[in-house]
C-alpha atoms as a PDB file:
ATOM      1  CA  MET A   1       4.235   3.568  -3.807  1.00  0.00           C
ATOM      2  CA  ALA A   2       6.186   3.292  -0.651  1.00  0.00           C
ATOM      3  CA  PRO A   3       5.297   0.328   1.526  1.00  0.00           C
ATOM      4  CA  PRO A   4       1.945   1.167   3.079  1.00  0.00           C
ATOM      5  CA  LEU A   5       2.999   0.476   6.681  1.00  0.00           C
ATOM      6  CA  LYS A   6       5.627   3.195   6.893  1.00  0.00           C
ATOM      7  CA  MET A   7       3.799   4.905   9.760  1.00  0.00           C
ATOM      8  CA  SER A   8       4.538   8.183  11.450  1.00  0.00           C
ATOM      9  CA  ILE A   9       2.536   8.720  14.621  1.00  0.00           C
ATOM     10  CA  ARG A  10       3.320  12.466  14.631  1.00  0.00           C
ATOM     11  CA  LEU A  11       0.628  13.221  12.027  1.00  0.00           C
ATOM     12  CA  THR A  12      -0.255  16.763  11.009  1.00  0.00           C
ATOM     13  CA  PRO A  13      -3.945  17.654  10.473  1.00  0.00           C
ATOM     14  CA  VAL A  14      -3.370  17.519   6.712  1.00  0.00           C
ATOM     15  CA  ALA A  15      -1.881  14.042   6.997  1.00  0.00           C
ATOM     16  CA  LEU A  16      -4.673  12.619   9.139  1.00  0.00           C
ATOM     17  CA  ALA A  17      -7.151  12.304   6.272  1.00  0.00           C
ATOM     18  CA  ALA A  18      -4.561  10.509   4.147  1.00  0.00           C
ATOM     19  CA  THR A  19      -3.596   8.163   6.963  1.00  0.00           C
ATOM     20  CA  ALA A  20      -7.173   7.084   7.526  1.00  0.00           C
ATOM     21  CA  LEU A  21      -7.262   5.880   3.923  1.00  0.00           C
ATOM     22  CA  ALA A  22      -3.880   4.192   3.939  1.00  0.00           C
ATOM     23  CA  LEU A  23      -4.481   2.362   7.199  1.00  0.00           C
ATOM     24  CA  ALA A  24      -7.525   0.712   5.682  1.00  0.00           C
ATOM     25  CA  ALA A  25      -5.079  -1.238   3.515  1.00  0.00           C
ATOM     26  CA  PRO A  26      -2.973  -4.179   4.664  1.00  0.00           C
ATOM     27  CA  PRO A  27       0.741  -3.428   5.200  1.00  0.00           C
ATOM     28  CA  ALA A  28       3.587  -3.952   2.775  1.00  0.00           C
ATOM     29  CA  ALA A  29       3.174  -7.700   3.004  1.00  0.00           C
ATOM     30  CA  ALA A  30      -0.174  -7.484   1.218  1.00  0.00           C
ATOM     31  CA  GLN A  31      -1.809  -4.376  -0.154  1.00  0.00           C
ATOM     32  CA  SER A  32      -5.546  -3.983  -0.623  1.00  0.00           C
ATOM     33  CA  GLU A  33      -7.462  -6.455  -2.780  1.00  0.00           C
ATOM     34  CA  ARG A  34     -10.761  -4.903  -3.739  1.00  0.00           C
ATOM     35  CA  ASP A  35     -12.172  -8.147  -5.167  1.00  0.00           C
ATOM     36  CA  ARG A  36     -12.307  -9.242  -1.524  1.00  0.00           C
ATOM     37  CA  ASP A  37     -12.069  -6.164   0.612  1.00  0.00           C
ATOM     38  CA  PRO A  38      -9.548  -6.909   3.387  1.00  0.00           C
ATOM     39  CA  VAL A  39     -11.419  -4.632   5.778  1.00  0.00           C
ATOM     40  CA  THR A  40     -15.049  -5.672   5.256  1.00  0.00           C
ATOM     41  CA  ASP A  41     -14.802  -8.776   3.009  1.00  0.00           C
ATOM     42  CA  GLU A  42     -17.901  -7.564   1.185  1.00  0.00           C
ATOM     43  CA  ALA A  43     -16.726  -6.886  -2.361  1.00  0.00           C
ATOM     44  CA  ASP A  44     -17.342 -10.417  -3.624  1.00  0.00           C
ATOM     45  CA  ALA A  45     -20.860 -10.516  -2.255  1.00  0.00           C
ATOM     46  CA  GLU A  46     -23.651 -10.376  -4.822  1.00  0.00           C
ATOM     47  CA  MET A  47     -25.114  -7.306  -3.105  1.00  0.00           C
ATOM     48  CA  PRO A  48     -22.388  -5.491  -1.140  1.00  0.00           C
ATOM     49  CA  PRO A  49     -23.649  -2.730   1.159  1.00  0.00           C
ATOM     50  CA  LEU A  50     -23.473   0.834  -0.116  1.00  0.00           C
ATOM     51  CA  TRP A  51     -21.401   1.823   2.916  1.00  0.00           C
ATOM     52  CA  THR A  52     -19.780   0.314   5.995  1.00  0.00           C
ATOM     53  CA  ALA A  53     -17.989   1.801   8.987  1.00  0.00           C
ATOM     54  CA  GLY A  54     -15.890   0.442  11.825  1.00  0.00           C
ATOM     55  CA  LEU A  55     -12.425   0.229  13.333  1.00  0.00           C
ATOM     56  CA  PHE A  56      -9.224  -1.067  11.761  1.00  0.00           C
ATOM     57  CA  ALA A  57      -6.080  -2.121  13.662  1.00  0.00           C
ATOM     58  CA  VAL A  58      -2.732  -2.863  12.027  1.00  0.00           C
ATOM     59  CA  ALA A  59       0.694  -3.777  13.367  1.00  0.00           C
ATOM     60  CA  GLY A  60       3.830  -4.814  11.538  1.00  0.00           C
ATOM     61  CA  HIS A  61       7.594  -5.135  11.500  1.00  0.00           C
ATOM     62  CA  HIS A  62       9.361  -3.898   8.343  1.00  0.00           C
ATOM     63  CA  ALA A  63      12.241  -1.922   6.861  1.00  0.00           C
ATOM     64  CA  ALA A  64      12.128   1.850   7.309  1.00  0.00           C
ATOM     65  CA  TYR A  65      12.239   2.137   3.480  1.00  0.00           C
ATOM     66  CA  PRO A  66      13.220  -0.241   0.644  1.00  0.00           C
ATOM     67  CA  GLY A  67      16.800  -1.371   1.261  1.00  0.00           C
ATOM     68  CA  ALA A  68      17.134   0.276   4.672  1.00  0.00           C
ATOM     69  CA  ALA A  69      19.287  -1.450   7.255  1.00  0.00           C
ATOM     70  CA  ARG A  70      17.119  -0.097  10.042  1.00  0.00           C
ATOM     71  CA  ARG A  71      13.878  -1.914  10.821  1.00  0.00           C
ATOM     72  CA  THR A  72      10.902  -0.464  12.607  1.00  0.00           C
ATOM     73  CA  THR A  73       7.763  -1.745  14.306  1.00  0.00           C
ATOM     74  CA  SER A  74       4.540   0.193  13.714  1.00  0.00           C
ATOM     75  CA  ALA A  75       0.995  -0.063  15.014  1.00  0.00           C
ATOM     76  CA  ALA A  76      -2.159   2.021  14.724  1.00  0.00           C
ATOM     77  CA  LEU A  77      -5.890   1.946  15.358  1.00  0.00           C
ATOM     78  CA  LEU A  78      -8.177   4.133  13.231  1.00  0.00           C
ATOM     79  CA  PRO A  79     -11.784   4.275  12.056  1.00  0.00           C
ATOM     80  CA  PHE A  80     -12.596   3.238   8.493  1.00  0.00           C
ATOM     81  CA  VAL A  81     -15.448   3.993   6.106  1.00  0.00           C
ATOM     82  CA  THR A  82     -16.198   2.344   2.762  1.00  0.00           C
ATOM     83  CA  TYR A  83     -18.570   3.633   0.085  1.00  0.00           C
ATOM     84  CA  ARG A  84     -19.363   1.805  -3.165  1.00  0.00           C
ATOM     85  CA  GLY A  85     -21.356   4.053  -5.438  1.00  0.00           C
ATOM     86  CA  PRO A  86     -21.450   3.784  -9.249  1.00  0.00           C
ATOM     87  CA  LEU A  87     -18.914   6.633  -9.558  1.00  0.00           C
ATOM     88  CA  LEU A  88     -17.532   7.562  -6.132  1.00  0.00           C
ATOM     89  CA  ARG A  89     -15.502   4.787  -4.499  1.00  0.00           C
ATOM     90  CA  LEU A  90     -14.092   4.845  -0.977  1.00  0.00           C
ATOM     91  CA  GLU A  91     -12.512   1.450  -0.387  1.00  0.00           C
ATOM     92  CA  SER A  92      -9.525  -0.130   1.311  1.00  0.00           C
ATOM     93  CA  GLY A  93      -6.452   1.982   0.758  1.00  0.00           C
ATOM     94  CA  THR A  94      -7.889   4.268  -1.923  1.00  0.00           C
ATOM     95  CA  ALA A  95     -10.530   6.897  -2.535  1.00  0.00           C
ATOM     96  CA  GLY A  96     -11.495   8.150  -5.952  1.00  0.00           C
ATOM     97  CA  LEU A  97     -13.688   8.053  -9.043  1.00  0.00           C
ATOM     98  CA  ARG A  98     -14.366   5.027 -11.195  1.00  0.00           C
ATOM     99  CA  ALA A  99     -13.893   6.037 -14.802  1.00  0.00           C
ATOM    100  CA  MET A 100     -14.572   2.681 -16.468  1.00  0.00           C
ATOM    101  CA  ARG A 101     -15.649  -0.812 -15.500  1.00  0.00           C
ATOM    102  CA  THR A 102     -16.124  -3.858 -17.727  1.00  0.00           C
ATOM    103  CA  PRO A 103     -16.104  -7.552 -16.789  1.00  0.00           C
ATOM    104  CA  ARG A 104     -12.412  -7.618 -17.688  1.00  0.00           C
ATOM    105  CA  THR A 105     -11.012  -4.179 -16.800  1.00  0.00           C
ATOM    106  CA  GLU A 106     -11.434  -1.303 -14.360  1.00  0.00           C
ATOM    107  CA  LEU A 107      -9.991   2.196 -14.610  1.00  0.00           C
ATOM    108  CA  ASP A 108     -10.172   4.675 -11.779  1.00  0.00           C
ATOM    109  CA  PHE A 109      -8.604   7.926 -10.666  1.00  0.00           C
ATOM    110  CA  SER A 110      -7.809   7.627  -7.005  1.00  0.00           C
ATOM    111  CA  ALA A 111      -5.796   8.845  -4.044  1.00  0.00           C
ATOM    112  CA  ALA A 112      -3.869   6.850  -1.458  1.00  0.00           C
ATOM    113  CA  ALA A 113      -1.214   7.345   1.205  1.00  0.00           C
ATOM    114  CA  SER A 114       1.914   5.721   2.626  1.00  0.00           C
ATOM    115  CA  PHE A 115       3.971   6.340   5.713  1.00  0.00           C
ATOM    116  CA  GLY A 116       7.578   7.194   6.480  1.00  0.00           C
ATOM    117  CA  SER A 117       9.848   6.185   9.300  1.00  0.00           C
ATOM    118  CA  GLY A 118       8.923   9.226  11.410  1.00  0.00           C
ATOM    119  CA  GLY A 119      11.323  11.505  13.269  1.00  0.00           C
ATOM    120  CA  GLN A 120      15.027  11.666  12.570  1.00  0.00           C
ATOM    121  CA  ASP A 121      16.440   8.429  11.184  1.00  0.00           C
ATOM    122  CA  SER A 122      19.445   6.795  12.740  1.00  0.00           C
ATOM    123  CA  GLY A 123      22.086   4.614  11.119  1.00  0.00           C
ATOM    124  CA  ALA A 124      22.790   5.340   7.461  1.00  0.00           C
ATOM    125  CA  ARG A 125      20.430   8.343   7.393  1.00  0.00           C
ATOM    126  CA  GLU A 126      21.557   9.913  10.666  1.00  0.00           C
ATOM    127  CA  GLY A 127      21.444  13.699  10.396  1.00  0.00           C
ATOM    128  CA  MET A 128      19.460  13.568   7.139  1.00  0.00           C
ATOM    129  CA  PRO A 129      15.796  14.437   6.547  1.00  0.00           C
ATOM    130  CA  SER A 130      13.494  11.533   7.374  1.00  0.00           C
ATOM    131  CA  VAL A 131      11.248   9.787   4.860  1.00  0.00           C
ATOM    132  CA  GLY A 132       7.868  11.316   5.657  1.00  0.00           C
ATOM    133  CA  THR A 133       4.198  10.626   5.072  1.00  0.00           C
ATOM    134  CA  LEU A 134       3.392  10.547   1.360  1.00  0.00           C
ATOM    135  CA  ALA A 135       0.107  11.252  -0.444  1.00  0.00           C
ATOM    136  CA  GLU A 136      -0.460   9.793  -3.913  1.00  0.00           C
ATOM    137  CA  ILE A 137      -2.954  10.544  -6.674  1.00  0.00           C
ATOM    138  CA  GLY A 138      -3.364   9.260 -10.206  1.00  0.00           C
ATOM    139  CA  PRO A 139      -4.973   6.691 -12.533  1.00  0.00           C
ATOM    140  CA  SER A 140      -4.909   2.934 -11.972  1.00  0.00           C
ATOM    141  CA  LEU A 141      -5.796   0.247 -14.496  1.00  0.00           C
ATOM    142  CA  ARG A 142      -6.892  -3.171 -13.207  1.00  0.00           C
ATOM    143  CA  ILE A 143      -7.062  -6.157 -15.552  1.00  0.00           C
ATOM    144  CA  HIS A 144      -8.663  -9.467 -14.569  1.00  0.00           C
ATOM    145  CA  LEU A 145      -6.769 -12.300 -16.244  1.00  0.00           C
ATOM    146  CA  GLY A 146      -8.055 -15.717 -17.229  1.00  0.00           C
ATOM    147  CA  GLU A 147     -11.513 -17.045 -17.988  1.00  0.00           C
ATOM    148  CA  LEU A 148     -14.383 -15.037 -16.503  1.00  0.00           C
ATOM    149  CA  PRO A 149     -16.563 -17.210 -14.216  1.00  0.00           C
ATOM    150  CA  GLU A 150     -20.256 -17.397 -15.125  1.00  0.00           C
ATOM    151  CA  ASN A 151     -21.288 -16.582 -11.529  1.00  0.00           C
ATOM    152  CA  GLY A 152     -20.201 -12.956 -11.974  1.00  0.00           C
ATOM    153  CA  GLN A 153     -17.197 -13.154  -9.666  1.00  0.00           C
ATOM    154  CA  ARG A 154     -13.681 -12.276 -10.784  1.00  0.00           C
ATOM    155  CA  PRO A 155     -10.959 -14.652 -12.058  1.00  0.00           C
ATOM    156  CA  PRO A 156      -8.250 -15.560  -9.529  1.00  0.00           C
ATOM    157  CA  TRP A 157      -5.536 -13.637 -11.419  1.00  0.00           C
ATOM    158  CA  ARG A 158      -5.414  -9.835 -11.403  1.00  0.00           C
ATOM    159  CA  LEU A 159      -2.947  -7.257 -12.734  1.00  0.00           C
ATOM    160  CA  ASP A 160      -2.880  -3.744 -11.258  1.00  0.00           C
ATOM    161  CA  LEU A 161      -1.091  -0.908 -13.064  1.00  0.00           C
ATOM    162  CA  PRO A 162      -1.205   2.278 -10.953  1.00  0.00           C
ATOM    163  CA  VAL A 163       0.671   5.446 -11.952  1.00  0.00           C
ATOM    164  CA  ARG A 164       0.638   8.185  -9.332  1.00  0.00           C
ATOM    165  CA  LEU A 165       1.943  11.630  -8.529  1.00  0.00           C
ATOM    166  CA  VAL A 166       3.509  11.620  -5.059  1.00  0.00           C
ATOM    167  CA  PHE A 167       3.467  14.515  -2.576  1.00  0.00           C
ATOM    168  CA  ASP A 168       5.282  14.858   0.744  1.00  0.00           C
ATOM    169  CA  VAL A 169       2.631  15.610   3.382  1.00  0.00           C
ATOM    170  CA  ASP A 170       5.217  16.391   6.076  1.00  0.00           C
ATOM    171  CA  ARG A 171       6.686  19.126   3.864  1.00  0.00           C
ATOM    172  CA  SER A 172       3.541  21.091   2.948  1.00  0.00           C
ATOM    173  CA  LEU A 173       2.522  18.693   0.150  1.00  0.00           C
ATOM    174  CA  ARG A 174       5.707  19.324  -1.802  1.00  0.00           C
ATOM    175  CA  TYR A 175       5.806  17.355  -5.058  1.00  0.00           C
ATOM    176  CA  ALA A 176       8.068  14.326  -4.535  1.00  0.00           C
ATOM    177  CA  GLY A 177       7.927  12.580  -7.909  1.00  0.00           C
ATOM    178  CA  LEU A 178       6.138   9.928  -9.930  1.00  0.00           C
ATOM    179  CA  SER A 179       5.646   6.251  -9.094  1.00  0.00           C
ATOM    180  CA  PHE A 180       4.654   3.169 -11.105  1.00  0.00           C
ATOM    181  CA  GLU A 181       3.817  -0.020  -9.209  1.00  0.00           C
ATOM    182  CA  PRO A 182       2.710  -2.992 -11.340  1.00  0.00           C
ATOM    183  CA  ARG A 183       1.384  -5.868  -9.269  1.00  0.00           C
ATOM    184  CA  LEU A 184       0.189  -9.394 -10.155  1.00  0.00           C
ATOM    185  CA  THR A 185      -2.071 -11.073  -7.571  1.00  0.00           C
ATOM    186  CA  TRP A 186      -3.204 -14.689  -7.474  1.00  0.00           C
ATOM    187  CA  ARG A 187      -6.153 -15.334  -5.201  1.00  0.00           C
ATOM    188  CA  LEU A 188      -6.343 -19.002  -4.243  1.00  0.00           C
ATOM    189  CA  PRO A 189      -9.585 -20.877  -3.451  1.00  0.00           C
ATOM    190  CA  ASP A 190     -11.003 -20.408   0.020  1.00  0.00           C
ATOM    191  CA  TRP A 191      -9.603 -22.855   2.539  1.00  0.00           C
ATOM    192  CA  GLY A 192     -11.728 -23.627   5.585  1.00  0.00           C
ATOM    193  CA  GLY A 193     -13.245 -20.148   5.593  1.00  0.00           C
ATOM    194  CA  TRP A 194      -9.879 -18.457   5.004  1.00  0.00           C
ATOM    195  CA  THR A 195      -8.735 -16.796   1.788  1.00  0.00           C
ATOM    196  CA  PRO A 196      -5.050 -17.145   0.797  1.00  0.00           C
ATOM    197  CA  SER A 197      -3.430 -15.007  -1.887  1.00  0.00           C
ATOM    198  CA  VAL A 198       0.022 -14.468  -3.371  1.00  0.00           C
ATOM    199  CA  TYR A 199       1.365 -11.392  -5.099  1.00  0.00           C
ATOM    200  CA  LEU A 200       4.415 -10.375  -7.113  1.00  0.00           C
ATOM    201  CA  GLY A 201       5.090  -6.701  -7.691  1.00  0.00           C
ATOM    202  CA  ALA A 202       7.625  -4.024  -8.441  1.00  0.00           C
ATOM    203  CA  LEU A 203       8.010  -0.350  -7.587  1.00  0.00           C
ATOM    204  CA  ALA A 204       9.635   2.152  -9.945  1.00  0.00           C
ATOM    205  CA  GLY A 205      10.131   5.835  -9.286  1.00  0.00           C
ATOM    206  CA  SER A 206      11.162   9.035 -11.003  1.00  0.00           C
ATOM    207  CA  ARG A 207      14.536  10.567 -10.219  1.00  0.00           C
ATOM    208  CA  GLY A 208      13.051  12.967  -7.691  1.00  0.00           C
ATOM    209  CA  LEU A 209      11.194  10.250  -5.829  1.00  0.00           C
ATOM    210  CA  ASN A 210      14.180   7.908  -5.746  1.00  0.00           C
ATOM    211  CA  ASP A 211      16.414  10.750  -4.594  1.00  0.00           C
ATOM    212  CA  MET A 212      14.177  11.135  -1.538  1.00  0.00           C
ATOM    213  CA  TYR A 213      15.015   7.542  -0.562  1.00  0.00           C
ATOM    214  CA  TYR A 214      18.586   7.156  -1.761  1.00  0.00           C
ATOM    215  CA  GLY A 215      20.117  10.534  -2.607  1.00  0.00           C
ATOM    216  CA  VAL A 216      22.799  12.084  -0.390  1.00  0.00           C
ATOM    217  CA  ASP A 217      23.317  15.818  -0.923  1.00  0.00           C
ATOM    218  CA  PRO A 218      26.925  17.030  -0.462  1.00  0.00           C
ATOM    219  CA  VAL A 219      25.908  18.841   2.732  1.00  0.00           C
ATOM    220  CA  TYR A 220      25.011  15.461   4.286  1.00  0.00           C
ATOM    221  CA  ALA A 221      28.088  13.606   3.043  1.00  0.00           C
ATOM    222  CA  THR A 222      30.422  12.040   5.619  1.00  0.00           C
ATOM    223  CA  PRO A 223      33.556   9.864   5.381  1.00  0.00           C
ATOM    224  CA  THR A 224      31.313   6.777   5.536  1.00  0.00           C
ATOM    225  CA  ARG A 225      28.414   8.250   3.524  1.00  0.00           C
ATOM    226  CA  PRO A 226      29.590   9.786   0.257  1.00  0.00           C
ATOM    227  CA  ALA A 227      27.433  12.149  -1.776  1.00  0.00           C
ATOM    228  CA  TYR A 228      25.109  10.281  -4.123  1.00  0.00           C
ATOM    229  CA  THR A 229      22.613  11.353  -6.791  1.00  0.00           C
ATOM    230  CA  ALA A 230      19.826   8.839  -7.268  1.00  0.00           C
ATOM    231  CA  ARG A 231      18.666   7.656 -10.666  1.00  0.00           C
ATOM    232  CA  ALA A 232      15.155   7.042 -11.949  1.00  0.00           C
ATOM    233  CA  GLY A 233      14.109   3.423 -12.300  1.00  0.00           C
ATOM    234  CA  LEU A 234      13.401   0.322 -10.264  1.00  0.00           C
ATOM    235  CA  VAL A 235      13.149   0.839  -6.508  1.00  0.00           C
ATOM    236  CA  ALA A 236      12.330  -2.702  -5.371  1.00  0.00           C
ATOM    237  CA  THR A 237      10.652  -5.978  -6.265  1.00  0.00           C
ATOM    238  CA  ARG A 238       8.198  -7.600  -3.860  1.00  0.00           C
ATOM    239  CA  LEU A 239       6.811 -11.062  -3.184  1.00  0.00           C
ATOM    240  CA  GLY A 240       4.204 -11.680  -0.518  1.00  0.00           C
ATOM    241  CA  VAL A 241       1.461 -13.916   0.828  1.00  0.00           C
ATOM    242  CA  SER A 242      -1.741 -13.182   2.752  1.00  0.00           C
ATOM    243  CA  LEU A 243      -4.260 -15.212   4.686  1.00  0.00           C
ATOM    244  CA  SER A 244      -7.501 -13.585   5.783  1.00  0.00           C
ATOM    245  CA  GLY A 245     -10.750 -14.813   7.266  1.00  0.00           C
ATOM    246  CA  ARG A 246     -13.703 -13.983   9.464  1.00  0.00           C
ATOM    247  CA  LEU A 247     -13.548 -14.643  13.185  1.00  0.00           C
ATOM    248  CA  ARG A 248     -17.246 -13.724  13.308  1.00  0.00           C
ATOM    249  CA  ASP A 249     -19.684 -11.777  11.117  1.00  0.00           C
ATOM    250  CA  ASP A 250     -18.311  -8.363  12.100  1.00  0.00           C
ATOM    251  CA  LEU A 251     -14.675  -9.262  12.839  1.00  0.00           C
ATOM    252  CA  ARG A 252     -11.976 -10.120  10.298  1.00  0.00           C
ATOM    253  CA  LEU A 253      -8.337 -11.110  10.775  1.00  0.00           C
ATOM    254  CA  GLY A 254      -5.507 -10.835   8.227  1.00  0.00           C
ATOM    255  CA  LEU A 255      -1.987 -12.268   8.353  1.00  0.00           C
ATOM    256  CA  HIS A 256       0.619 -10.963   5.914  1.00  0.00           C
ATOM    257  CA  ALA A 257       4.252 -11.766   5.126  1.00  0.00           C
ATOM    258  CA  GLY A 258       6.535 -10.581   2.357  1.00  0.00           C
ATOM    259  CA  LEU A 259      10.013 -10.166   0.961  1.00  0.00           C
ATOM    260  CA  GLU A 260      11.298  -6.945  -0.601  1.00  0.00           C
ATOM    261  CA  SER A 261      14.491  -6.866  -2.671  1.00  0.00           C
ATOM    262  CA  VAL A 262      16.523  -3.958  -4.034  1.00  0.00           C
ATOM    263  CA  ARG A 263      18.953  -6.278  -5.826  1.00  0.00           C
ATOM    264  CA  GLY A 264      19.258  -5.064  -9.413  1.00  0.00           C
ATOM    265  CA  ALA A 265      17.456  -1.817  -8.577  1.00  0.00           C
ATOM    266  CA  ALA A 266      18.535   1.515 -10.048  1.00  0.00           C
ATOM    267  CA  ASN A 267      20.080   2.683  -6.773  1.00  0.00           C
ATOM    268  CA  GLU A 268      21.301  -0.498  -5.109  1.00  0.00           C
ATOM    269  CA  ASN A 269      24.764   1.131  -4.802  1.00  0.00           C
ATOM    270  CA  SER A 270      23.485   4.078  -2.753  1.00  0.00           C
ATOM    271  CA  PRO A 271      25.232   4.441   0.632  1.00  0.00           C
ATOM    272  CA  LEU A 272      21.725   4.502   2.136  1.00  0.00           C
ATOM    273  CA  VAL A 273      21.091   0.880   1.098  1.00  0.00           C
ATOM    274  CA  GLY A 274      21.975  -1.488   3.910  1.00  0.00           C
ATOM    275  CA  ARG A 275      20.129  -4.679   2.954  1.00  0.00           C
ATOM    276  CA  MET A 276      19.524  -6.295  -0.416  1.00  0.00           C
ATOM    277  CA  VAL A 277      16.573  -8.400   0.770  1.00  0.00           C
ATOM    278  CA  ASP A 278      14.303  -7.621   3.680  1.00  0.00           C
ATOM    279  CA  PRO A 279      11.295  -9.500   5.154  1.00  0.00           C
ATOM    280  CA  SER A 280       8.164  -7.937   6.566  1.00  0.00           C
ATOM    281  CA  VAL A 281       5.314  -9.317   8.662  1.00  0.00           C
ATOM    282  CA  ALA A 282       2.025  -7.769   9.683  1.00  0.00           C
ATOM    283  CA  ILE A 283      -1.333  -8.508  11.253  1.00  0.00           C
ATOM    284  CA  THR A 284      -4.611  -6.680  10.636  1.00  0.00           C
ATOM    285  CA  LEU A 285      -7.901  -6.797  12.511  1.00  0.00           C
ATOM    286  CA  SER A 286     -11.084  -5.045  11.392  1.00  0.00           C
ATOM    287  CA  TRP A 287     -14.419  -4.626  13.140  1.00  0.00           C
ATOM    288  CA  THR A 288     -17.436  -3.560  11.084  1.00  0.00           C
ATOM    289  CA  ALA A 289     -19.757  -1.705  13.445  1.00  0.00           C
ATOM    290  CA  LEU A 290     -22.287  -0.344  10.932  1.00  0.00           C
ATOM    291  CA  ARG A 291     -23.374  -1.244   7.426  1.00  0.00           C
ATOM    292  CA  SER A 292     -25.985   0.053   5.021  1.00  0.00           C
ATOM    293  CA  ASP A 293     -29.120  -1.913   4.164  1.00  0.00           C
ATOM    294  CA  GLU A 294     -29.009  -0.271   0.737  1.00  0.00           C
ATOM    295  CA  PRO A 295     -26.920  -2.244  -1.767  1.00  0.00           C
ATOM    296  CA  GLY A 296     -23.861  -0.716  -3.383  1.00  0.00           C
ATOM    297  CA  VAL A 297     -22.154  -1.364  -6.720  1.00  0.00           C
ATOM    298  CA  ARG A 298     -19.479  -4.020  -7.144  1.00  0.00           C
END
């Protein structure tokens, strides 16, 4: 959905549970990769622990929303928990139920969260409602592409196809719309103990969801910001790279960078679009304090 590092520090009690999940995922530059968990780095192990717990820190610099002229810097420190049972999954960025798993495909029904700019926006959105914290729920199909290695690990290419209902946490879980975010990830071979990866993705939204980002109701129209009704369709395309590795057994560092473009998107002509292409950078640091001796399920 929305870039995962759209953080609002003024979290309501309802939002706190969602934020704990979303902050376990890398920022917009590189979302979670469950083949190699960016928090614990355990998912490719032959016998990953059933559960782990620790602290996760994230900081980044990014656009307030896709196409926004205003940029924002966000940072947070929160606890994380992972759980890898045969049915219940609590992993980086998502929590849900695994419906199907074969060597080639995975299907789950999961929840996730993303963050808004927080407070009243300035610039193009001055005087308008801010983009708030969003909760998402729905099915996601993952397809591993290429030849399956004989060692039981996954191929380097992966396609994720999540479809989710989106709710606005800051507005009493009001339904915000529907999102579709296909994403192709290429995980490169480990390099000196570090794991690089590249991804290409797109975000599409329903009319209601896109109107939250780009619509201007007549009551908010000004001489420089005409009224605008958003259309359903492409929100943005994304290209990013990640580099992650262990500093020690219980400490992992991630570096992320990406580009997000609204050129050719359904609402690129909205008066709330200030940039066609926008970069983002982020750094993540995770400390695993506890882990189960009992093995989990990959």
